[in-house]
Amino acid sequence: MAYRKTPAVQDRLAAAREHLVAQATSVVADVGWANASVTAVAAAAGMSVGSVYQHFPSKGALAVEVFRRASGREVEVLSEVLRAGSGTPVERLALGVSVFARRAMENRGLAHALLAAPAEPAVGQERLGFRRRYREVFAEVIREGIEAGLLPGQNPDVTAAALTGAIGEVLVDPLSGPAEGTAAGDLVTELVAMSLRCAGATPAE
């Protein structure tokens, strides 16, 4: 008969896996994908390299899990603002861009890793998938704005794709540089203004 893990053993394994993913995320934020070796992650987690491989078959599999968790959380936060936040669609669009950019600037290392840092092909594929998810939530709020008469007629999917690409491109260089509070605030303001212009929002009087 095959050995069946008890609930207590399963709980310990699940807790160890969560700890490992959390520590791997911190390592990636500090040194990027290329330098986040299994040895470095194991040391950060207080595990042996062999123990890491008990949870993930390869460095690539661990990297994909880190990316999915971290990017998934960012999509969730943006979705909450754009879909369930208060205010008009245009106000939610502005707030969504602001929240996304400020979160990125507050956790520069991880944000740079998620948006642009060189990574294994499997992570690159995940990145493409999450860009589609960002486009979808942006397209929804733009479509709402059009229907409410607050935005001009346009293809919401095209505008959403343009916004997703532009926001990432604007943030890449600042995320790889030193943190500067005032400059970061100015950048967020400019990014929000650019996003509203892209969608065709009428400037506030």
N, C-alpha and C. Protein backbone atom coordinates (compact mmCIF):
# COMPACT_ATOMS: atom_id res chain seq x y z
N MET A 1 0.84 -1.19 0.00
CA MET A 1 0.00 0.00 0.00
C MET A 1 0.88 1.24 0.00
N ALA A 2 0.52 2.21 -0.84
CA ALA A 2 1.31 3.43 -0.93
C ALA A 2 1.14 4.26 0.35
N TYR A 3 2.23 4.92 0.73
CA TYR A 3 2.19 5.76 1.92
C TYR A 3 1.33 6.97 1.68
N ARG A 4 0.43 7.24 2.61
CA ARG A 4 -0.43 8.41 2.51
C ARG A 4 -0.08 9.38 3.63
N LYS A 5 0.20 10.61 3.25
CA LYS A 5 0.59 11.62 4.23
C LYS A 5 -0.58 11.95 5.14
N THR A 6 -0.30 12.08 6.42
CA THR A 6 -1.33 12.46 7.38
C THR A 6 -1.64 13.95 7.21
N PRO A 7 -2.81 14.39 7.69
CA PRO A 7 -3.12 15.82 7.60
C PRO A 7 -2.04 16.70 8.23
N ALA A 8 -1.45 16.25 9.34
CA ALA A 8 -0.42 17.05 10.01
C ALA A 8 0.81 17.19 9.12
N VAL A 9 1.19 16.12 8.46
CA VAL A 9 2.34 16.16 7.55
C VAL A 9 2.03 17.06 6.36
N GLN A 10 0.84 16.94 5.83
CA GLN A 10 0.44 17.78 4.69
C GLN A 10 0.47 19.26 5.07
N ASP A 11 0.02 19.57 6.28
CA ASP A 11 0.03 20.96 6.75
C ASP A 11 1.46 21.48 6.87
N ARG A 12 2.36 20.64 7.40
CA ARG A 12 3.76 21.07 7.54
C ARG A 12 4.39 21.30 6.17
N LEU A 13 4.09 20.43 5.22
CA LEU A 13 4.64 20.58 3.88
C LEU A 13 4.10 21.85 3.21
N ALA A 14 2.80 22.10 3.40
CA ALA A 14 2.20 23.29 2.81
C ALA A 14 2.80 24.56 3.41
N ALA A 15 3.01 24.54 4.72
CA ALA A 15 3.60 25.71 5.39
C ALA A 15 5.03 25.93 4.92
N ALA A 16 5.78 24.84 4.76
CA ALA A 16 7.16 24.95 4.28
C ALA A 16 7.19 25.50 2.86
N ARG A 17 6.25 25.06 2.04
CA ARG A 17 6.20 25.53 0.66
C ARG A 17 5.88 27.02 0.60
N GLU A 18 4.93 27.46 1.44
CA GLU A 18 4.58 28.88 1.48
C GLU A 18 5.77 29.72 1.94
N HIS A 19 6.47 29.23 2.94
CA HIS A 19 7.66 29.93 3.43
C HIS A 19 8.71 30.03 2.33
N LEU A 20 8.88 28.95 1.61
CA LEU A 20 9.87 28.92 0.53
C LEU A 20 9.52 29.93 -0.56
N VAL A 21 8.26 29.99 -0.95
CA VAL A 21 7.83 30.93 -1.99
C VAL A 21 8.02 32.37 -1.51
N ALA A 22 7.69 32.62 -0.26
CA ALA A 22 7.84 33.97 0.29
C ALA A 22 9.31 34.39 0.29
N GLN A 23 10.18 33.50 0.70
CA GLN A 23 11.61 33.83 0.73
C GLN A 23 12.17 33.97 -0.68
N ALA A 24 11.70 33.14 -1.59
CA ALA A 24 12.15 33.24 -2.99
C ALA A 24 11.72 34.58 -3.58
N THR A 25 10.55 35.03 -3.22
CA THR A 25 10.06 36.33 -3.70
C THR A 25 10.97 37.46 -3.20
N SER A 26 11.37 37.37 -1.95
CA SER A 26 12.27 38.39 -1.38
C SER A 26 13.63 38.37 -2.08
N VAL A 27 14.13 37.18 -2.37
CA VAL A 27 15.42 37.07 -3.05
C VAL A 27 15.33 37.67 -4.45
N VAL A 28 14.26 37.35 -5.17
CA VAL A 28 14.07 37.91 -6.51
C VAL A 28 14.00 39.43 -6.45
N ALA A 29 13.29 39.96 -5.46
CA ALA A 29 13.19 41.41 -5.32
C ALA A 29 14.55 42.04 -5.06
N ASP A 30 15.41 41.32 -4.37
CA ASP A 30 16.72 41.87 -4.02
C ASP A 30 17.74 41.75 -5.15
N VAL A 31 17.73 40.61 -5.86
CA VAL A 31 18.83 40.35 -6.82
C VAL A 31 18.36 40.04 -8.23
N GLY A 32 17.05 39.98 -8.46
CA GLY A 32 16.56 39.67 -9.80
C GLY A 32 16.49 38.18 -10.07
N TRP A 33 15.89 37.83 -11.19
CA TRP A 33 15.70 36.42 -11.54
C TRP A 33 17.02 35.70 -11.77
N ALA A 34 17.92 36.33 -12.50
CA ALA A 34 19.16 35.67 -12.90
C ALA A 34 20.00 35.24 -11.70
N ASN A 35 20.02 36.05 -10.65
CA ASN A 35 20.85 35.76 -9.48
C ASN A 35 20.10 35.06 -8.36
N ALA A 36 18.84 34.78 -8.57
CA ALA A 36 18.05 34.09 -7.54
C ALA A 36 18.24 32.59 -7.71
N SER A 37 19.42 32.12 -7.40
CA SER A 37 19.74 30.70 -7.56
C SER A 37 19.00 29.87 -6.50
N VAL A 38 18.89 28.60 -6.76
CA VAL A 38 18.27 27.70 -5.78
C VAL A 38 19.07 27.73 -4.47
N THR A 39 20.39 27.83 -4.59
CA THR A 39 21.23 27.89 -3.40
C THR A 39 20.91 29.14 -2.57
N ALA A 40 20.77 30.28 -3.25
CA ALA A 40 20.46 31.53 -2.54
C ALA A 40 19.09 31.47 -1.89
N VAL A 41 18.12 30.91 -2.59
CA VAL A 41 16.77 30.81 -2.05
C VAL A 41 16.75 29.85 -0.86
N ALA A 42 17.46 28.74 -0.98
CA ALA A 42 17.51 27.76 0.11
C ALA A 42 18.11 28.39 1.37
N ALA A 43 19.17 29.17 1.18
CA ALA A 43 19.81 29.82 2.32
C ALA A 43 18.86 30.82 2.98
N ALA A 44 18.14 31.59 2.17
CA ALA A 44 17.20 32.57 2.71
C ALA A 44 16.07 31.89 3.46
N ALA A 45 15.66 30.73 2.98
CA ALA A 45 14.55 30.00 3.60
C ALA A 45 15.00 29.12 4.76
N GLY A 46 16.31 28.99 4.96
CA GLY A 46 16.80 28.12 6.02
C GLY A 46 16.59 26.66 5.70
N MET A 47 16.68 26.32 4.42
CA MET A 47 16.48 24.95 3.96
C MET A 47 17.72 24.45 3.24
N SER A 48 17.78 23.16 3.03
CA SER A 48 18.81 22.60 2.17
C SER A 48 18.34 22.72 0.72
N VAL A 49 19.30 22.67 -0.20
CA VAL A 49 18.94 22.71 -1.61
C VAL A 49 18.04 21.53 -1.95
N GLY A 50 18.33 20.38 -1.37
CA GLY A 50 17.50 19.20 -1.62
C GLY A 50 16.06 19.40 -1.19
N SER A 51 15.87 20.13 -0.08
CA SER A 51 14.51 20.38 0.39
C SER A 51 13.73 21.26 -0.58
N VAL A 52 14.43 22.21 -1.21
CA VAL A 52 13.78 23.06 -2.21
C VAL A 52 13.25 22.20 -3.34
N TYR A 53 14.06 21.26 -3.78
CA TYR A 53 13.65 20.41 -4.89
C TYR A 53 12.56 19.41 -4.51
N GLN A 54 12.33 19.23 -3.22
CA GLN A 54 11.18 18.41 -2.80
C GLN A 54 9.87 19.13 -3.08
N HIS A 55 9.93 20.46 -3.12
CA HIS A 55 8.73 21.26 -3.35
C HIS A 55 8.58 21.68 -4.81
N PHE A 56 9.70 21.91 -5.48
CA PHE A 56 9.68 22.35 -6.88
C PHE A 56 10.72 21.57 -7.67
N PRO A 57 10.35 21.05 -8.82
CA PRO A 57 11.28 20.21 -9.59
C PRO A 57 12.45 20.95 -10.20
N SER A 58 12.35 22.28 -10.31
CA SER A 58 13.42 23.05 -10.95
C SER A 58 13.36 24.50 -10.50
N LYS A 59 14.45 25.23 -10.78
CA LYS A 59 14.46 26.66 -10.49
C LYS A 59 13.37 27.36 -11.29
N GLY A 60 13.18 26.92 -12.54
CA GLY A 60 12.16 27.53 -13.38
C GLY A 60 10.77 27.39 -12.80
N ALA A 61 10.46 26.22 -12.26
CA ALA A 61 9.13 25.99 -11.67
C ALA A 61 8.91 26.90 -10.46
N LEU A 62 9.96 27.07 -9.65
CA LEU A 62 9.86 27.96 -8.50
C LEU A 62 9.69 29.41 -8.96
N ALA A 63 10.44 29.79 -9.98
CA ALA A 63 10.34 31.16 -10.50
C ALA A 63 8.94 31.45 -11.02
N VAL A 64 8.35 30.50 -11.71
CA VAL A 64 7.00 30.67 -12.24
C VAL A 64 6.00 30.87 -11.09
N GLU A 65 6.16 30.08 -10.04
CA GLU A 65 5.25 30.22 -8.89
C GLU A 65 5.39 31.59 -8.24
N VAL A 66 6.63 32.04 -8.09
CA VAL A 66 6.87 33.38 -7.52
C VAL A 66 6.20 34.44 -8.38
N PHE A 67 6.40 34.34 -9.69
CA PHE A 67 5.81 35.33 -10.60
C PHE A 67 4.29 35.30 -10.53
N ARG A 68 3.71 34.11 -10.56
CA ARG A 68 2.25 34.00 -10.52
C ARG A 68 1.67 34.62 -9.26
N ARG A 69 2.29 34.32 -8.13
CA ARG A 69 1.77 34.85 -6.86
C ARG A 69 1.86 36.37 -6.83
N ALA A 70 3.05 36.89 -7.16
CA ALA A 70 3.26 38.34 -7.04
C ALA A 70 2.45 39.10 -8.07
N SER A 71 2.47 38.65 -9.32
CA SER A 71 1.69 39.35 -10.35
C SER A 71 0.20 39.21 -10.11
N GLY A 72 -0.20 38.03 -9.65
CA GLY A 72 -1.61 37.82 -9.37
C GLY A 72 -2.14 38.79 -8.33
N ARG A 73 -1.32 39.08 -7.33
CA ARG A 73 -1.74 40.03 -6.29
C ARG A 73 -1.89 41.43 -6.88
N GLU A 74 -0.97 41.82 -7.76
CA GLU A 74 -1.07 43.15 -8.37
C GLU A 74 -2.30 43.28 -9.25
N VAL A 75 -2.62 42.24 -9.99
CA VAL A 75 -3.83 42.26 -10.82
C VAL A 75 -5.06 42.35 -9.93
N GLU A 76 -5.06 41.63 -8.81
CA GLU A 76 -6.20 41.67 -7.89
C GLU A 76 -6.42 43.08 -7.35
N VAL A 77 -5.33 43.73 -6.95
CA VAL A 77 -5.44 45.09 -6.39
C VAL A 77 -5.97 46.04 -7.45
N LEU A 78 -5.42 45.97 -8.67
CA LEU A 78 -5.89 46.84 -9.74
C LEU A 78 -7.35 46.56 -10.06
N SER A 79 -7.73 45.30 -10.09
CA SER A 79 -9.12 44.94 -10.39
C SER A 79 -10.07 45.48 -9.34
N GLU A 80 -9.65 45.42 -8.08
CA GLU A 80 -10.51 45.93 -7.00
C GLU A 80 -10.79 47.42 -7.19
N VAL A 81 -9.77 48.16 -7.59
CA VAL A 81 -9.93 49.61 -7.79
C VAL A 81 -10.78 49.89 -9.02
N LEU A 82 -10.46 49.25 -10.14
CA LEU A 82 -11.14 49.55 -11.40
C LEU A 82 -12.57 49.01 -11.45
N ARG A 83 -12.80 47.87 -10.83
CA ARG A 83 -14.13 47.25 -10.92
C ARG A 83 -15.03 47.57 -9.73
N ALA A 84 -14.46 47.61 -8.56
CA ALA A 84 -15.30 47.75 -7.36
C ALA A 84 -15.08 49.05 -6.62
N GLY A 85 -14.19 49.89 -7.11
CA GLY A 85 -13.92 51.15 -6.43
C GLY A 85 -15.06 52.14 -6.61
N SER A 86 -15.01 53.22 -5.83
CA SER A 86 -16.04 54.25 -5.94
C SER A 86 -15.64 55.27 -6.99
N GLY A 87 -16.62 56.07 -7.42
CA GLY A 87 -16.34 57.11 -8.40
C GLY A 87 -16.72 56.71 -9.81
N THR A 88 -16.58 57.65 -10.71
CA THR A 88 -16.90 57.41 -12.12
C THR A 88 -15.83 56.51 -12.73
N PRO A 89 -16.11 55.96 -13.92
CA PRO A 89 -15.08 55.14 -14.58
C PRO A 89 -13.78 55.89 -14.79
N VAL A 90 -13.86 57.17 -15.12
CA VAL A 90 -12.64 57.96 -15.32
C VAL A 90 -11.89 58.13 -14.01
N GLU A 91 -12.61 58.37 -12.93
CA GLU A 91 -11.96 58.51 -11.62
C GLU A 91 -11.32 57.20 -11.19
N ARG A 92 -12.00 56.09 -11.48
CA ARG A 92 -11.43 54.79 -11.12
C ARG A 92 -10.20 54.47 -11.97
N LEU A 93 -10.24 54.89 -13.24
CA LEU A 93 -9.07 54.69 -14.10
C LEU A 93 -7.87 55.45 -13.55
N ALA A 94 -8.09 56.70 -13.18
CA ALA A 94 -7.01 57.51 -12.63
C ALA A 94 -6.47 56.91 -11.34
N LEU A 95 -7.38 56.49 -10.47
CA LEU A 95 -6.96 55.91 -9.20
C LEU A 95 -6.23 54.59 -9.42
N GLY A 96 -6.72 53.79 -10.35
CA GLY A 96 -6.09 52.50 -10.63
C GLY A 96 -4.65 52.66 -11.09
N VAL A 97 -4.43 53.59 -12.01
CA VAL A 97 -3.07 53.85 -12.50
C VAL A 97 -2.19 54.35 -11.36
N SER A 98 -2.74 55.24 -10.54
CA SER A 98 -1.98 55.78 -9.42
C SER A 98 -1.60 54.69 -8.42
N VAL A 99 -2.56 53.85 -8.06
CA VAL A 99 -2.30 52.78 -7.10
C VAL A 99 -1.26 51.81 -7.65
N PHE A 100 -1.41 51.42 -8.91
CA PHE A 100 -0.46 50.49 -9.52
C PHE A 100 0.95 51.08 -9.51
N ALA A 101 1.08 52.33 -9.92
CA ALA A 101 2.41 52.96 -10.00
C ALA A 101 3.02 53.15 -8.62
N ARG A 102 2.21 53.58 -7.66
CA ARG A 102 2.75 53.80 -6.32
C ARG A 102 3.20 52.48 -5.68
N ARG A 103 2.44 51.42 -5.88
CA ARG A 103 2.84 50.12 -5.35
C ARG A 103 4.16 49.68 -5.99
N ALA A 104 4.30 49.93 -7.27
CA ALA A 104 5.55 49.56 -7.96
C ALA A 104 6.73 50.34 -7.39
N MET A 105 6.53 51.65 -7.19
CA MET A 105 7.63 52.49 -6.71
C MET A 105 7.98 52.17 -5.25
N GLU A 106 7.03 51.64 -4.51
CA GLU A 106 7.29 51.28 -3.11
C GLU A 106 8.02 49.95 -2.99
N ASN A 107 7.95 49.11 -4.02
CA ASN A 107 8.64 47.81 -4.00
C ASN A 107 9.35 47.65 -5.33
N ARG A 108 10.36 48.49 -5.54
CA ARG A 108 11.00 48.63 -6.84
C ARG A 108 11.62 47.34 -7.36
N GLY A 109 12.33 46.64 -6.50
CA GLY A 109 13.01 45.44 -6.95
C GLY A 109 12.05 44.40 -7.49
N LEU A 110 11.00 44.13 -6.74
CA LEU A 110 10.03 43.13 -7.18
C LEU A 110 9.27 43.62 -8.41
N ALA A 111 8.88 44.90 -8.41
CA ALA A 111 8.14 45.44 -9.56
C ALA A 111 8.97 45.35 -10.83
N HIS A 112 10.25 45.67 -10.74
CA HIS A 112 11.12 45.58 -11.92
C HIS A 112 11.22 44.14 -12.39
N ALA A 113 11.31 43.21 -11.45
CA ALA A 113 11.37 41.79 -11.81
C ALA A 113 10.09 41.36 -12.53
N LEU A 114 8.96 41.82 -12.06
CA LEU A 114 7.69 41.44 -12.66
C LEU A 114 7.48 42.07 -14.03
N LEU A 115 7.93 43.30 -14.19
CA LEU A 115 7.65 44.04 -15.42
C LEU A 115 8.66 43.80 -16.53
N ALA A 116 9.95 43.75 -16.18
CA ALA A 116 10.93 43.83 -17.26
C ALA A 116 12.22 43.05 -17.09
N ALA A 117 12.58 42.65 -15.91
CA ALA A 117 13.88 42.03 -15.71
C ALA A 117 14.01 40.74 -16.51
N PRO A 118 15.18 40.49 -17.11
CA PRO A 118 15.39 39.24 -17.87
C PRO A 118 15.08 38.03 -16.99
N ALA A 119 14.39 37.07 -17.57
CA ALA A 119 13.98 35.89 -16.81
C ALA A 119 13.96 34.67 -17.73
N GLU A 120 13.76 33.53 -17.13
CA GLU A 120 13.67 32.30 -17.90
C GLU A 120 12.44 32.34 -18.81
N PRO A 121 12.48 31.60 -19.93
CA PRO A 121 11.37 31.61 -20.89
C PRO A 121 10.01 31.34 -20.25
N ALA A 122 9.97 30.45 -19.28
CA ALA A 122 8.69 30.13 -18.64
C ALA A 122 8.10 31.34 -17.94
N VAL A 123 8.95 32.14 -17.32
CA VAL A 123 8.49 33.36 -16.67
C VAL A 123 8.04 34.37 -17.72
N GLY A 124 8.77 34.42 -18.84
CA GLY A 124 8.38 35.32 -19.93
C GLY A 124 6.98 35.01 -20.44
N GLN A 125 6.66 33.72 -20.54
CA GLN A 125 5.32 33.34 -20.97
C GLN A 125 4.27 33.76 -19.96
N GLU A 126 4.57 33.61 -18.69
CA GLU A 126 3.65 34.05 -17.65
C GLU A 126 3.44 35.56 -17.72
N ARG A 127 4.51 36.29 -18.01
CA ARG A 127 4.43 37.74 -18.10
C ARG A 127 3.46 38.16 -19.19
N LEU A 128 3.52 37.48 -20.33
CA LEU A 128 2.59 37.77 -21.43
C LEU A 128 1.14 37.52 -20.99
N GLY A 129 0.93 36.44 -20.27
CA GLY A 129 -0.42 36.12 -19.81
C GLY A 129 -0.96 37.16 -18.86
N PHE A 130 -0.13 37.66 -17.97
CA PHE A 130 -0.60 38.66 -17.02
C PHE A 130 -0.82 40.00 -17.69
N ARG A 131 -0.06 40.31 -18.75
CA ARG A 131 -0.33 41.54 -19.49
C ARG A 131 -1.73 41.49 -20.09
N ARG A 132 -2.15 40.33 -20.52
CA ARG A 132 -3.52 40.20 -21.05
C ARG A 132 -4.53 40.47 -19.96
N ARG A 133 -4.25 40.02 -18.75
CA ARG A 133 -5.18 40.26 -17.65
C ARG A 133 -5.26 41.75 -17.32
N TYR A 134 -4.12 42.44 -17.35
CA TYR A 134 -4.13 43.88 -17.13
C TYR A 134 -4.95 44.57 -18.21
N ARG A 135 -4.76 44.17 -19.46
CA ARG A 135 -5.51 44.78 -20.56
C ARG A 135 -7.00 44.59 -20.37
N GLU A 136 -7.39 43.42 -19.91
CA GLU A 136 -8.82 43.13 -19.74
C GLU A 136 -9.46 44.07 -18.72
N VAL A 137 -8.81 44.29 -17.58
CA VAL A 137 -9.44 45.14 -16.57
C VAL A 137 -9.42 46.61 -16.99
N PHE A 138 -8.36 47.03 -17.70
CA PHE A 138 -8.35 48.40 -18.22
C PHE A 138 -9.45 48.57 -19.26
N ALA A 139 -9.61 47.58 -20.13
CA ALA A 139 -10.63 47.67 -21.18
C ALA A 139 -12.03 47.78 -20.58
N GLU A 140 -12.28 47.08 -19.49
CA GLU A 140 -13.59 47.12 -18.86
C GLU A 140 -13.94 48.53 -18.40
N VAL A 141 -13.01 49.18 -17.71
CA VAL A 141 -13.33 50.51 -17.17
C VAL A 141 -13.41 51.53 -18.29
N ILE A 142 -12.62 51.37 -19.34
CA ILE A 142 -12.70 52.27 -20.49
C ILE A 142 -14.04 52.09 -21.19
N ARG A 143 -14.48 50.87 -21.32
CA ARG A 143 -15.78 50.60 -21.94
C ARG A 143 -16.90 51.25 -21.13
N GLU A 144 -16.79 51.15 -19.80
CA GLU A 144 -17.78 51.80 -18.94
C GLU A 144 -17.79 53.31 -19.16
N GLY A 145 -16.60 53.89 -19.28
CA GLY A 145 -16.49 55.32 -19.49
C GLY A 145 -17.12 55.77 -20.80
N ILE A 146 -16.97 54.95 -21.83
CA ILE A 146 -17.58 55.25 -23.13
C ILE A 146 -19.10 55.20 -23.01
N GLU A 147 -19.60 54.15 -22.38
CA GLU A 147 -21.04 53.98 -22.23
C GLU A 147 -21.66 55.08 -21.39
N ALA A 148 -20.88 55.61 -20.45
CA ALA A 148 -21.38 56.70 -19.59
C ALA A 148 -21.22 58.07 -20.24
N GLY A 149 -20.64 58.11 -21.42
CA GLY A 149 -20.44 59.38 -22.11
C GLY A 149 -19.28 60.21 -21.56
N LEU A 150 -18.43 59.57 -20.77
CA LEU A 150 -17.30 60.28 -20.17
C LEU A 150 -16.02 60.15 -20.99
N LEU A 151 -16.00 59.20 -21.91
CA LEU A 151 -14.84 58.99 -22.79
C LEU A 151 -15.33 58.94 -24.23
N PRO A 152 -14.54 59.40 -25.17
CA PRO A 152 -14.96 59.37 -26.58
C PRO A 152 -15.00 57.94 -27.11
N GLY A 153 -15.73 57.76 -28.21
CA GLY A 153 -15.80 56.45 -28.84
C GLY A 153 -14.41 55.98 -29.26
N GLN A 154 -14.11 54.73 -28.99
CA GLN A 154 -12.81 54.15 -29.29
C GLN A 154 -12.90 52.65 -29.11
N ASN A 155 -11.85 51.95 -29.52
CA ASN A 155 -11.77 50.51 -29.27
C ASN A 155 -11.14 50.32 -27.90
N PRO A 156 -11.92 49.89 -26.90
CA PRO A 156 -11.37 49.78 -25.54
C PRO A 156 -10.19 48.83 -25.45
N ASP A 157 -10.20 47.78 -26.26
CA ASP A 157 -9.10 46.81 -26.19
C ASP A 157 -7.79 47.41 -26.69
N VAL A 158 -7.88 48.23 -27.74
CA VAL A 158 -6.67 48.88 -28.27
C VAL A 158 -6.13 49.89 -27.25
N THR A 159 -7.02 50.70 -26.69
CA THR A 159 -6.58 51.68 -25.70
C THR A 159 -6.00 51.00 -24.47
N ALA A 160 -6.63 49.91 -24.04
CA ALA A 160 -6.14 49.18 -22.87
C ALA A 160 -4.75 48.60 -23.13
N ALA A 161 -4.53 48.09 -24.34
CA ALA A 161 -3.22 47.55 -24.68
C ALA A 161 -2.17 48.65 -24.69
N ALA A 162 -2.55 49.82 -25.23
CA ALA A 162 -1.63 50.95 -25.26
C ALA A 162 -1.28 51.40 -23.84
N LEU A 163 -2.27 51.45 -22.97
CA LEU A 163 -2.04 51.85 -21.59
C LEU A 163 -1.12 50.86 -20.87
N THR A 164 -1.41 49.58 -21.04
CA THR A 164 -0.60 48.56 -20.37
C THR A 164 0.86 48.66 -20.78
N GLY A 165 1.09 48.82 -22.07
CA GLY A 165 2.46 48.94 -22.55
C GLY A 165 3.13 50.21 -22.10
N ALA A 166 2.40 51.33 -22.18
CA ALA A 166 2.98 52.63 -21.83
C ALA A 166 3.31 52.72 -20.35
N ILE A 167 2.41 52.24 -19.50
CA ILE A 167 2.65 52.30 -18.06
C ILE A 167 3.91 51.51 -17.69
N GLY A 168 4.03 50.32 -18.25
CA GLY A 168 5.21 49.51 -17.98
C GLY A 168 6.47 50.18 -18.48
N GLU A 169 6.41 50.75 -19.68
CA GLU A 169 7.59 51.39 -20.26
C GLU A 169 8.02 52.61 -19.44
N VAL A 170 7.05 53.39 -19.00
CA VAL A 170 7.37 54.58 -18.20
C VAL A 170 8.04 54.20 -16.88
N LEU A 171 7.62 53.09 -16.30
CA LEU A 171 8.11 52.70 -14.98
C LEU A 171 9.46 51.99 -15.00
N VAL A 172 9.83 51.38 -16.11
CA VAL A 172 11.01 50.51 -16.14
C VAL A 172 12.27 51.21 -15.64
N ASP A 173 12.62 52.34 -16.23
CA ASP A 173 13.86 53.02 -15.83
C ASP A 173 13.82 53.51 -14.37
N PRO A 174 12.74 54.18 -13.94
CA PRO A 174 12.69 54.61 -12.54
C PRO A 174 12.80 53.46 -11.55
N LEU A 175 12.25 52.30 -11.90
CA LEU A 175 12.29 51.16 -10.99
C LEU A 175 13.70 50.61 -10.83
N SER A 176 14.53 50.82 -11.82
CA SER A 176 15.89 50.30 -11.75
C SER A 176 16.87 51.30 -11.15
N GLY A 177 16.38 52.51 -10.81
CA GLY A 177 17.24 53.55 -10.24
C GLY A 177 16.99 53.72 -8.76
N PRO A 178 17.67 54.70 -8.14
CA PRO A 178 17.50 54.97 -6.70
C PRO A 178 16.14 55.57 -6.40
N ALA A 179 15.65 55.29 -5.21
CA ALA A 179 14.35 55.81 -4.79
C ALA A 179 14.46 57.29 -4.45
N GLU A 180 13.58 58.09 -5.02
CA GLU A 180 13.54 59.52 -4.74
C GLU A 180 12.08 59.90 -4.56
N GLY A 181 11.72 60.21 -3.29
CA GLY A 181 10.32 60.42 -2.95
C GLY A 181 9.60 61.45 -3.79
N THR A 182 10.14 62.66 -3.90
CA THR A 182 9.47 63.71 -4.65
C THR A 182 9.37 63.37 -6.12
N ALA A 183 10.47 62.88 -6.68
CA ALA A 183 10.48 62.51 -8.09
C ALA A 183 9.46 61.40 -8.36
N ALA A 184 9.34 60.46 -7.43
CA ALA A 184 8.40 59.36 -7.59
C ALA A 184 6.96 59.89 -7.63
N GLY A 185 6.67 60.84 -6.73
CA GLY A 185 5.33 61.42 -6.71
C GLY A 185 5.02 62.16 -8.00
N ASP A 186 5.99 62.90 -8.51
CA ASP A 186 5.80 63.62 -9.76
C ASP A 186 5.57 62.65 -10.91
N LEU A 187 6.31 61.54 -10.89
CA LEU A 187 6.18 60.55 -11.94
C LEU A 187 4.78 59.95 -11.96
N VAL A 188 4.26 59.64 -10.79
CA VAL A 188 2.91 59.07 -10.70
C VAL A 188 1.89 60.05 -11.25
N THR A 189 2.03 61.32 -10.88
CA THR A 189 1.11 62.36 -11.38
C THR A 189 1.14 62.42 -12.90
N GLU A 190 2.33 62.44 -13.46
CA GLU A 190 2.48 62.50 -14.92
C GLU A 190 1.92 61.24 -15.58
N LEU A 191 2.13 60.10 -14.95
CA LEU A 191 1.65 58.83 -15.51
C LEU A 191 0.13 58.79 -15.54
N VAL A 192 -0.50 59.28 -14.48
CA VAL A 192 -1.96 59.33 -14.44
C VAL A 192 -2.47 60.28 -15.52
N ALA A 193 -1.85 61.44 -15.66
CA ALA A 193 -2.28 62.41 -16.68
C ALA A 193 -2.13 61.82 -18.07
N MET A 194 -1.03 61.14 -18.32
CA MET A 194 -0.81 60.52 -19.63
C MET A 194 -1.88 59.47 -19.92
N SER A 195 -2.23 58.67 -18.91
CA SER A 195 -3.22 57.62 -19.08
C SER A 195 -4.59 58.20 -19.42
N LEU A 196 -4.96 59.28 -18.75
CA LEU A 196 -6.25 59.92 -19.02
C LEU A 196 -6.27 60.52 -20.42
N ARG A 197 -5.15 61.12 -20.85
CA ARG A 197 -5.08 61.65 -22.22
C ARG A 197 -5.22 60.52 -23.22
N CYS A 198 -4.57 59.40 -22.94
CA CYS A 198 -4.62 58.25 -23.85
C CYS A 198 -6.06 57.77 -24.03
N ALA A 199 -6.82 57.78 -22.94
CA ALA A 199 -8.21 57.33 -23.01
C ALA A 199 -9.15 58.41 -23.52
N GLY A 200 -8.65 59.65 -23.63
CA GLY A 200 -9.50 60.73 -24.14
C GLY A 200 -10.34 61.42 -23.12
N ALA A 201 -9.94 61.33 -21.84
CA ALA A 201 -10.72 61.98 -20.79
C ALA A 201 -10.58 63.48 -20.89
N THR A 202 -11.66 64.19 -20.62
CA THR A 202 -11.64 65.66 -20.64
C THR A 202 -10.98 66.16 -19.38
N PRO A 203 -9.96 67.02 -19.47
CA PRO A 203 -9.29 67.52 -18.26
C PRO A 203 -10.28 68.23 -17.34
N ALA A 204 -10.05 68.07 -16.05
CA ALA A 204 -10.93 68.72 -15.06
C ALA A 204 -10.71 70.23 -15.13
N GLU A 205 -11.78 70.97 -14.98
CA GLU A 205 -11.69 72.43 -15.00
C GLU A 205 -11.03 72.94 -13.72
